[in-house]
Amino acid sequence: MRRWQWNFQRDTNYYFGLFLLVIASASLLWAIWRDAFDPQDFLVYFLIYAWGYILLLKSDTEYRMQRLEKTMIEVLARLGALETLRERGEADSLPSGELFPGTTGLPGDFSGDGSGGEPEPPENGV
């Protein structure tokens, strides 16, 4: 028999926001089912929905920003390593991959021949 394992990866605001949305939905359905829907109650339902949604949005934005920050740190570390290789003159051993498709990856390398110069303008002037 397999046991349930809870794997919480988000902060508590995310789960509290989900809880508020579920409670607000259940209470709204109860009010509609029992025909106990008053305008004052609608304001309370709306505020609970808004609070839950804001908590979810805030938590999700923070989670995405943390992931973006982690990725940017990794990319900047790669860039720093490549700049160090270029300064040492070991630019021929630069890796190819998703960051360097088809070229040596040097910033001035537009033609792929390794000259490192600016690209030639077209002959017709366009």
N, C-alpha and C. Protein backbone atom coordinates (compact mmCIF):
# COMPACT_ATOMS: atom_id res chain seq x y z
N MET A 1 0.84 -1.18 0.00
CA MET A 1 0.00 0.00 0.00
C MET A 1 0.89 1.24 0.00
N ARG A 2 0.55 2.15 -0.86
CA ARG A 2 1.34 3.37 -1.00
C ARG A 2 0.80 4.44 -0.06
N ARG A 3 1.70 5.06 0.66
CA ARG A 3 1.31 6.14 1.57
C ARG A 3 1.35 7.47 0.85
N TRP A 4 0.49 8.35 1.30
CA TRP A 4 0.47 9.70 0.76
C TRP A 4 1.65 10.48 1.30
N GLN A 5 2.32 11.14 0.43
CA GLN A 5 3.45 11.97 0.84
C GLN A 5 3.19 13.40 0.37
N TRP A 6 3.18 14.29 1.31
CA TRP A 6 2.98 15.70 0.97
C TRP A 6 4.33 16.32 0.68
N ASN A 7 4.43 16.93 -0.46
CA ASN A 7 5.67 17.59 -0.87
C ASN A 7 5.36 19.06 -1.13
N PHE A 8 5.49 19.89 -0.11
CA PHE A 8 5.19 21.31 -0.24
C PHE A 8 6.41 22.03 -0.76
N GLN A 9 6.27 22.65 -1.92
CA GLN A 9 7.38 23.39 -2.51
C GLN A 9 7.16 24.89 -2.50
N ARG A 10 5.98 25.32 -2.15
CA ARG A 10 5.67 26.75 -2.13
C ARG A 10 5.63 27.24 -0.69
N ASP A 11 5.54 28.53 -0.52
CA ASP A 11 5.46 29.08 0.84
C ASP A 11 4.03 28.97 1.37
N THR A 12 3.86 29.33 2.62
CA THR A 12 2.57 29.14 3.27
C THR A 12 1.50 30.07 2.71
N ASN A 13 1.89 31.22 2.16
CA ASN A 13 0.90 32.12 1.56
C ASN A 13 0.18 31.46 0.40
N TYR A 14 0.88 30.66 -0.36
CA TYR A 14 0.27 29.98 -1.50
C TYR A 14 -0.83 29.03 -1.03
N TYR A 15 -0.53 28.22 -0.05
CA TYR A 15 -1.50 27.24 0.42
C TYR A 15 -2.63 27.89 1.21
N PHE A 16 -2.34 28.98 1.93
CA PHE A 16 -3.39 29.70 2.64
C PHE A 16 -4.32 30.38 1.63
N GLY A 17 -3.77 30.89 0.56
CA GLY A 17 -4.60 31.48 -0.50
C GLY A 17 -5.50 30.45 -1.15
N LEU A 18 -4.96 29.26 -1.41
CA LEU A 18 -5.79 28.18 -1.94
C LEU A 18 -6.90 27.81 -0.97
N PHE A 19 -6.57 27.75 0.30
CA PHE A 19 -7.56 27.42 1.33
C PHE A 19 -8.67 28.47 1.35
N LEU A 20 -8.30 29.75 1.26
CA LEU A 20 -9.30 30.81 1.25
C LEU A 20 -10.21 30.72 0.02
N LEU A 21 -9.64 30.40 -1.13
CA LEU A 21 -10.45 30.27 -2.33
C LEU A 21 -11.42 29.10 -2.22
N VAL A 22 -10.98 27.99 -1.64
CA VAL A 22 -11.86 26.84 -1.46
C VAL A 22 -12.97 27.17 -0.48
N ILE A 23 -12.63 27.81 0.63
CA ILE A 23 -13.64 28.18 1.65
C ILE A 23 -14.65 29.17 1.06
N ALA A 24 -14.16 30.17 0.32
CA ALA A 24 -15.07 31.15 -0.27
C ALA A 24 -15.98 30.49 -1.30
N SER A 25 -15.45 29.58 -2.09
CA SER A 25 -16.28 28.88 -3.08
C SER A 25 -17.32 28.01 -2.40
N ALA A 26 -16.93 27.28 -1.37
CA ALA A 26 -17.87 26.42 -0.66
C ALA A 26 -18.96 27.23 0.03
N SER A 27 -18.59 28.35 0.64
CA SER A 27 -19.60 29.16 1.31
C SER A 27 -20.53 29.84 0.30
N LEU A 28 -20.01 30.22 -0.84
CA LEU A 28 -20.86 30.81 -1.88
C LEU A 28 -21.84 29.78 -2.43
N LEU A 29 -21.36 28.56 -2.66
CA LEU A 29 -22.26 27.49 -3.12
C LEU A 29 -23.31 27.16 -2.06
N TRP A 30 -22.92 27.18 -0.81
CA TRP A 30 -23.88 26.92 0.27
C TRP A 30 -24.95 28.01 0.29
N ALA A 31 -24.53 29.28 0.13
CA ALA A 31 -25.49 30.38 0.15
C ALA A 31 -26.45 30.30 -1.03
N ILE A 32 -25.96 29.93 -2.19
CA ILE A 32 -26.83 29.79 -3.35
C ILE A 32 -27.78 28.61 -3.15
N TRP A 33 -27.27 27.50 -2.64
CA TRP A 33 -28.08 26.30 -2.44
C TRP A 33 -29.19 26.53 -1.42
N ARG A 34 -28.90 27.25 -0.35
CA ARG A 34 -29.86 27.50 0.72
C ARG A 34 -30.66 28.78 0.50
N ASP A 35 -30.42 29.45 -0.60
CA ASP A 35 -31.10 30.70 -0.92
C ASP A 35 -30.93 31.72 0.20
N ALA A 36 -29.70 31.77 0.73
CA ALA A 36 -29.39 32.69 1.82
C ALA A 36 -28.40 33.75 1.35
N PHE A 37 -28.61 34.22 0.15
CA PHE A 37 -27.66 35.14 -0.46
C PHE A 37 -28.12 36.57 -0.24
N ASP A 38 -27.44 37.29 0.61
CA ASP A 38 -27.72 38.70 0.89
C ASP A 38 -26.60 39.55 0.30
N PRO A 39 -26.90 40.80 -0.04
CA PRO A 39 -25.85 41.67 -0.60
C PRO A 39 -24.66 41.86 0.34
N GLN A 40 -24.90 41.88 1.66
CA GLN A 40 -23.80 42.03 2.60
C GLN A 40 -22.89 40.79 2.56
N ASP A 41 -23.49 39.63 2.36
CA ASP A 41 -22.70 38.40 2.28
C ASP A 41 -21.83 38.39 1.02
N PHE A 42 -22.36 38.97 -0.06
CA PHE A 42 -21.59 39.00 -1.29
C PHE A 42 -20.29 39.77 -1.09
N LEU A 43 -20.34 40.85 -0.33
CA LEU A 43 -19.13 41.63 -0.05
C LEU A 43 -18.10 40.77 0.70
N VAL A 44 -18.57 39.98 1.66
CA VAL A 44 -17.66 39.12 2.42
C VAL A 44 -17.06 38.05 1.49
N TYR A 45 -17.89 37.42 0.64
CA TYR A 45 -17.39 36.42 -0.30
C TYR A 45 -16.35 37.04 -1.23
N PHE A 46 -16.67 38.22 -1.74
CA PHE A 46 -15.76 38.89 -2.65
C PHE A 46 -14.43 39.21 -1.97
N LEU A 47 -14.48 39.70 -0.74
CA LEU A 47 -13.24 40.03 -0.02
C LEU A 47 -12.40 38.79 0.26
N ILE A 48 -13.05 37.68 0.59
CA ILE A 48 -12.31 36.43 0.83
C ILE A 48 -11.68 35.93 -0.46
N TYR A 49 -12.45 35.99 -1.57
CA TYR A 49 -11.88 35.62 -2.87
C TYR A 49 -10.68 36.50 -3.21
N ALA A 50 -10.84 37.81 -3.02
CA ALA A 50 -9.76 38.74 -3.36
C ALA A 50 -8.52 38.48 -2.51
N TRP A 51 -8.72 38.23 -1.22
CA TRP A 51 -7.60 37.96 -0.33
C TRP A 51 -6.86 36.69 -0.77
N GLY A 52 -7.61 35.63 -1.05
CA GLY A 52 -6.99 34.38 -1.51
C GLY A 52 -6.26 34.55 -2.82
N TYR A 53 -6.89 35.27 -3.77
CA TYR A 53 -6.27 35.47 -5.07
C TYR A 53 -4.99 36.30 -4.95
N ILE A 54 -5.01 37.33 -4.12
CA ILE A 54 -3.82 38.17 -3.93
C ILE A 54 -2.69 37.35 -3.30
N LEU A 55 -3.01 36.51 -2.33
CA LEU A 55 -1.98 35.66 -1.73
C LEU A 55 -1.38 34.70 -2.76
N LEU A 56 -2.25 34.11 -3.60
CA LEU A 56 -1.74 33.22 -4.65
C LEU A 56 -0.87 33.97 -5.64
N LEU A 57 -1.31 35.12 -6.07
CA LEU A 57 -0.55 35.91 -7.04
C LEU A 57 0.79 36.34 -6.46
N LYS A 58 0.79 36.81 -5.22
CA LYS A 58 2.03 37.23 -4.57
C LYS A 58 3.01 36.07 -4.44
N SER A 59 2.51 34.93 -3.98
CA SER A 59 3.38 33.78 -3.80
C SER A 59 3.93 33.27 -5.13
N ASP A 60 3.07 33.22 -6.15
CA ASP A 60 3.51 32.73 -7.44
C ASP A 60 4.54 33.66 -8.07
N THR A 61 4.34 34.96 -7.91
CA THR A 61 5.31 35.92 -8.44
C THR A 61 6.66 35.78 -7.74
N GLU A 62 6.65 35.63 -6.43
CA GLU A 62 7.91 35.45 -5.70
C GLU A 62 8.59 34.15 -6.11
N TYR A 63 7.82 33.08 -6.31
CA TYR A 63 8.38 31.80 -6.71
C TYR A 63 9.03 31.91 -8.09
N ARG A 64 8.35 32.56 -9.02
CA ARG A 64 8.90 32.72 -10.37
C ARG A 64 10.14 33.61 -10.36
N MET A 65 10.13 34.64 -9.54
CA MET A 65 11.30 35.52 -9.47
C MET A 65 12.51 34.80 -8.87
N GLN A 66 12.28 33.94 -7.89
CA GLN A 66 13.38 33.15 -7.33
C GLN A 66 13.97 32.21 -8.37
N ARG A 67 13.09 31.57 -9.17
CA ARG A 67 13.58 30.69 -10.24
C ARG A 67 14.36 31.48 -11.28
N LEU A 68 13.86 32.67 -11.64
CA LEU A 68 14.54 33.52 -12.62
C LEU A 68 15.89 33.98 -12.08
N GLU A 69 15.93 34.35 -10.81
CA GLU A 69 17.18 34.79 -10.21
C GLU A 69 18.21 33.66 -10.20
N LYS A 70 17.78 32.45 -9.89
CA LYS A 70 18.68 31.29 -9.89
C LYS A 70 19.24 31.04 -11.29
N THR A 71 18.37 31.12 -12.30
CA THR A 71 18.81 30.92 -13.68
C THR A 71 19.77 32.01 -14.11
N MET A 72 19.48 33.25 -13.75
CA MET A 72 20.36 34.35 -14.13
C MET A 72 21.73 34.22 -13.47
N ILE A 73 21.77 33.76 -12.23
CA ILE A 73 23.05 33.56 -11.56
C ILE A 73 23.87 32.49 -12.29
N GLU A 74 23.20 31.41 -12.73
CA GLU A 74 23.90 30.36 -13.47
C GLU A 74 24.43 30.89 -14.80
N VAL A 75 23.63 31.66 -15.52
CA VAL A 75 24.05 32.21 -16.81
C VAL A 75 25.20 33.19 -16.62
N LEU A 76 25.13 34.04 -15.60
CA LEU A 76 26.22 34.97 -15.34
C LEU A 76 27.50 34.26 -14.94
N ALA A 77 27.39 33.14 -14.23
CA ALA A 77 28.58 32.36 -13.88
C ALA A 77 29.21 31.76 -15.13
N ARG A 78 28.37 31.26 -16.05
CA ARG A 78 28.89 30.74 -17.32
C ARG A 78 29.58 31.84 -18.11
N LEU A 79 28.94 33.01 -18.17
CA LEU A 79 29.51 34.12 -18.91
C LEU A 79 30.84 34.55 -18.31
N GLY A 80 30.92 34.58 -16.99
CA GLY A 80 32.18 34.92 -16.34
C GLY A 80 33.28 33.92 -16.67
N ALA A 81 32.93 32.64 -16.69
CA ALA A 81 33.92 31.62 -17.04
C ALA A 81 34.38 31.77 -18.49
N LEU A 82 33.45 32.08 -19.39
CA LEU A 82 33.82 32.26 -20.80
C LEU A 82 34.67 33.51 -21.00
N GLU A 83 34.36 34.57 -20.27
CA GLU A 83 35.19 35.77 -20.37
C GLU A 83 36.59 35.52 -19.85
N THR A 84 36.70 34.72 -18.80
CA THR A 84 38.01 34.37 -18.26
C THR A 84 38.80 33.56 -19.29
N LEU A 85 38.14 32.61 -19.96
CA LEU A 85 38.82 31.83 -21.00
C LEU A 85 39.27 32.73 -22.15
N ARG A 86 38.43 33.68 -22.53
CA ARG A 86 38.77 34.57 -23.63
C ARG A 86 39.95 35.46 -23.26
N GLU A 87 40.01 35.93 -22.03
CA GLU A 87 41.13 36.79 -21.61
C GLU A 87 42.43 36.01 -21.56
N ARG A 88 42.37 34.73 -21.25
CA ARG A 88 43.58 33.91 -21.21
C ARG A 88 44.05 33.51 -22.60
N GLY A 89 43.21 33.71 -23.62
CA GLY A 89 43.59 33.31 -24.97
C GLY A 89 43.18 31.89 -25.29
N GLU A 90 42.34 31.31 -24.51
CA GLU A 90 41.89 29.94 -24.75
C GLU A 90 40.52 29.94 -25.42
N ALA A 91 40.27 30.92 -26.27
CA ALA A 91 38.96 31.07 -26.90
C ALA A 91 38.65 29.95 -27.88
N ASP A 92 39.69 29.25 -28.36
CA ASP A 92 39.44 28.15 -29.29
C ASP A 92 38.75 26.98 -28.61
N SER A 93 38.85 26.89 -27.29
CA SER A 93 38.26 25.75 -26.59
C SER A 93 36.90 26.08 -25.99
N LEU A 94 36.25 27.16 -26.48
CA LEU A 94 34.94 27.51 -25.97
C LEU A 94 33.92 26.44 -26.35
N PRO A 95 33.02 26.12 -25.46
CA PRO A 95 32.03 25.09 -25.76
C PRO A 95 30.98 25.60 -26.74
N SER A 96 30.39 24.68 -27.44
CA SER A 96 29.25 25.03 -28.27
C SER A 96 28.03 24.42 -27.61
N GLY A 97 26.91 25.00 -27.84
CA GLY A 97 25.69 24.50 -27.22
C GLY A 97 24.57 25.49 -27.44
N GLU A 98 23.64 25.51 -26.51
CA GLU A 98 22.49 26.37 -26.70
C GLU A 98 22.84 27.85 -26.64
N LEU A 99 23.92 28.21 -25.95
CA LEU A 99 24.32 29.61 -25.90
C LEU A 99 25.17 30.02 -27.10
N PHE A 100 25.79 29.04 -27.78
CA PHE A 100 26.71 29.35 -28.87
C PHE A 100 26.41 28.50 -30.10
N PRO A 101 25.30 28.68 -30.75
CA PRO A 101 25.00 27.84 -31.91
C PRO A 101 25.80 28.26 -33.14
N GLY A 102 26.60 27.37 -33.65
CA GLY A 102 27.27 27.55 -34.92
C GLY A 102 28.46 28.48 -34.95
N THR A 103 28.79 29.16 -33.88
CA THR A 103 29.95 30.05 -33.88
C THR A 103 30.84 29.68 -32.71
N THR A 104 31.94 30.41 -32.61
CA THR A 104 32.82 30.16 -31.47
C THR A 104 32.28 30.81 -30.21
N GLY A 105 31.27 31.67 -30.34
CA GLY A 105 30.65 32.27 -29.18
C GLY A 105 31.26 33.59 -28.75
N LEU A 106 32.26 34.06 -29.50
CA LEU A 106 32.86 35.34 -29.15
C LEU A 106 31.94 36.47 -29.58
N PRO A 107 31.86 37.53 -28.78
CA PRO A 107 30.92 38.61 -29.10
C PRO A 107 31.15 39.25 -30.47
N GLY A 108 32.38 39.36 -30.94
CA GLY A 108 32.65 40.00 -32.22
C GLY A 108 32.62 39.05 -33.39
N ASP A 109 32.33 37.78 -33.16
CA ASP A 109 32.38 36.77 -34.20
C ASP A 109 31.03 36.66 -34.89
N PHE A 110 30.86 37.45 -35.98
CA PHE A 110 29.60 37.42 -36.71
C PHE A 110 29.66 36.50 -37.91
N SER A 111 30.81 36.38 -38.51
CA SER A 111 30.90 35.62 -39.75
C SER A 111 31.20 34.16 -39.53
N GLY A 112 31.64 33.78 -38.36
CA GLY A 112 31.95 32.38 -38.09
C GLY A 112 33.36 32.00 -38.49
N ASP A 113 34.15 32.93 -39.08
CA ASP A 113 35.50 32.59 -39.49
C ASP A 113 36.53 32.87 -38.41
N GLY A 114 36.08 33.43 -37.29
CA GLY A 114 36.98 33.66 -36.18
C GLY A 114 37.78 34.93 -36.28
N SER A 115 37.49 35.78 -37.29
CA SER A 115 38.27 37.00 -37.44
C SER A 115 37.96 38.01 -36.34
N GLY A 116 36.74 37.97 -35.81
CA GLY A 116 36.40 38.83 -34.70
C GLY A 116 36.11 40.26 -35.10
N GLY A 117 36.09 40.57 -36.40
CA GLY A 117 35.84 41.92 -36.84
C GLY A 117 34.35 42.21 -36.98
N GLU A 118 34.06 43.43 -37.38
CA GLU A 118 32.68 43.81 -37.61
C GLU A 118 32.17 43.14 -38.88
N PRO A 119 30.87 42.91 -38.99
CA PRO A 119 30.35 42.29 -40.20
C PRO A 119 30.47 43.24 -41.39
N GLU A 120 30.66 42.66 -42.56
CA GLU A 120 30.79 43.45 -43.79
C GLU A 120 29.42 43.97 -44.20
N PRO A 121 29.33 45.26 -44.60
CA PRO A 121 28.05 45.76 -45.11
C PRO A 121 27.77 45.17 -46.49
N PRO A 122 26.52 45.01 -46.84
CA PRO A 122 26.22 44.46 -48.18
C PRO A 122 26.64 45.43 -49.27
N GLU A 123 26.89 44.88 -50.46
CA GLU A 123 27.42 45.69 -51.55
C GLU A 123 26.39 46.66 -52.10
N ASN A 124 25.11 46.31 -52.04
CA ASN A 124 24.10 47.20 -52.62
C ASN A 124 23.70 48.31 -51.66
N GLY A 125 24.27 48.38 -50.48
CA GLY A 125 24.04 49.47 -49.54
C GLY A 125 22.79 49.32 -48.70
N VAL A 126 22.13 48.20 -48.75
CA VAL A 126 20.90 48.00 -47.96
C VAL A 126 21.24 47.27 -46.70
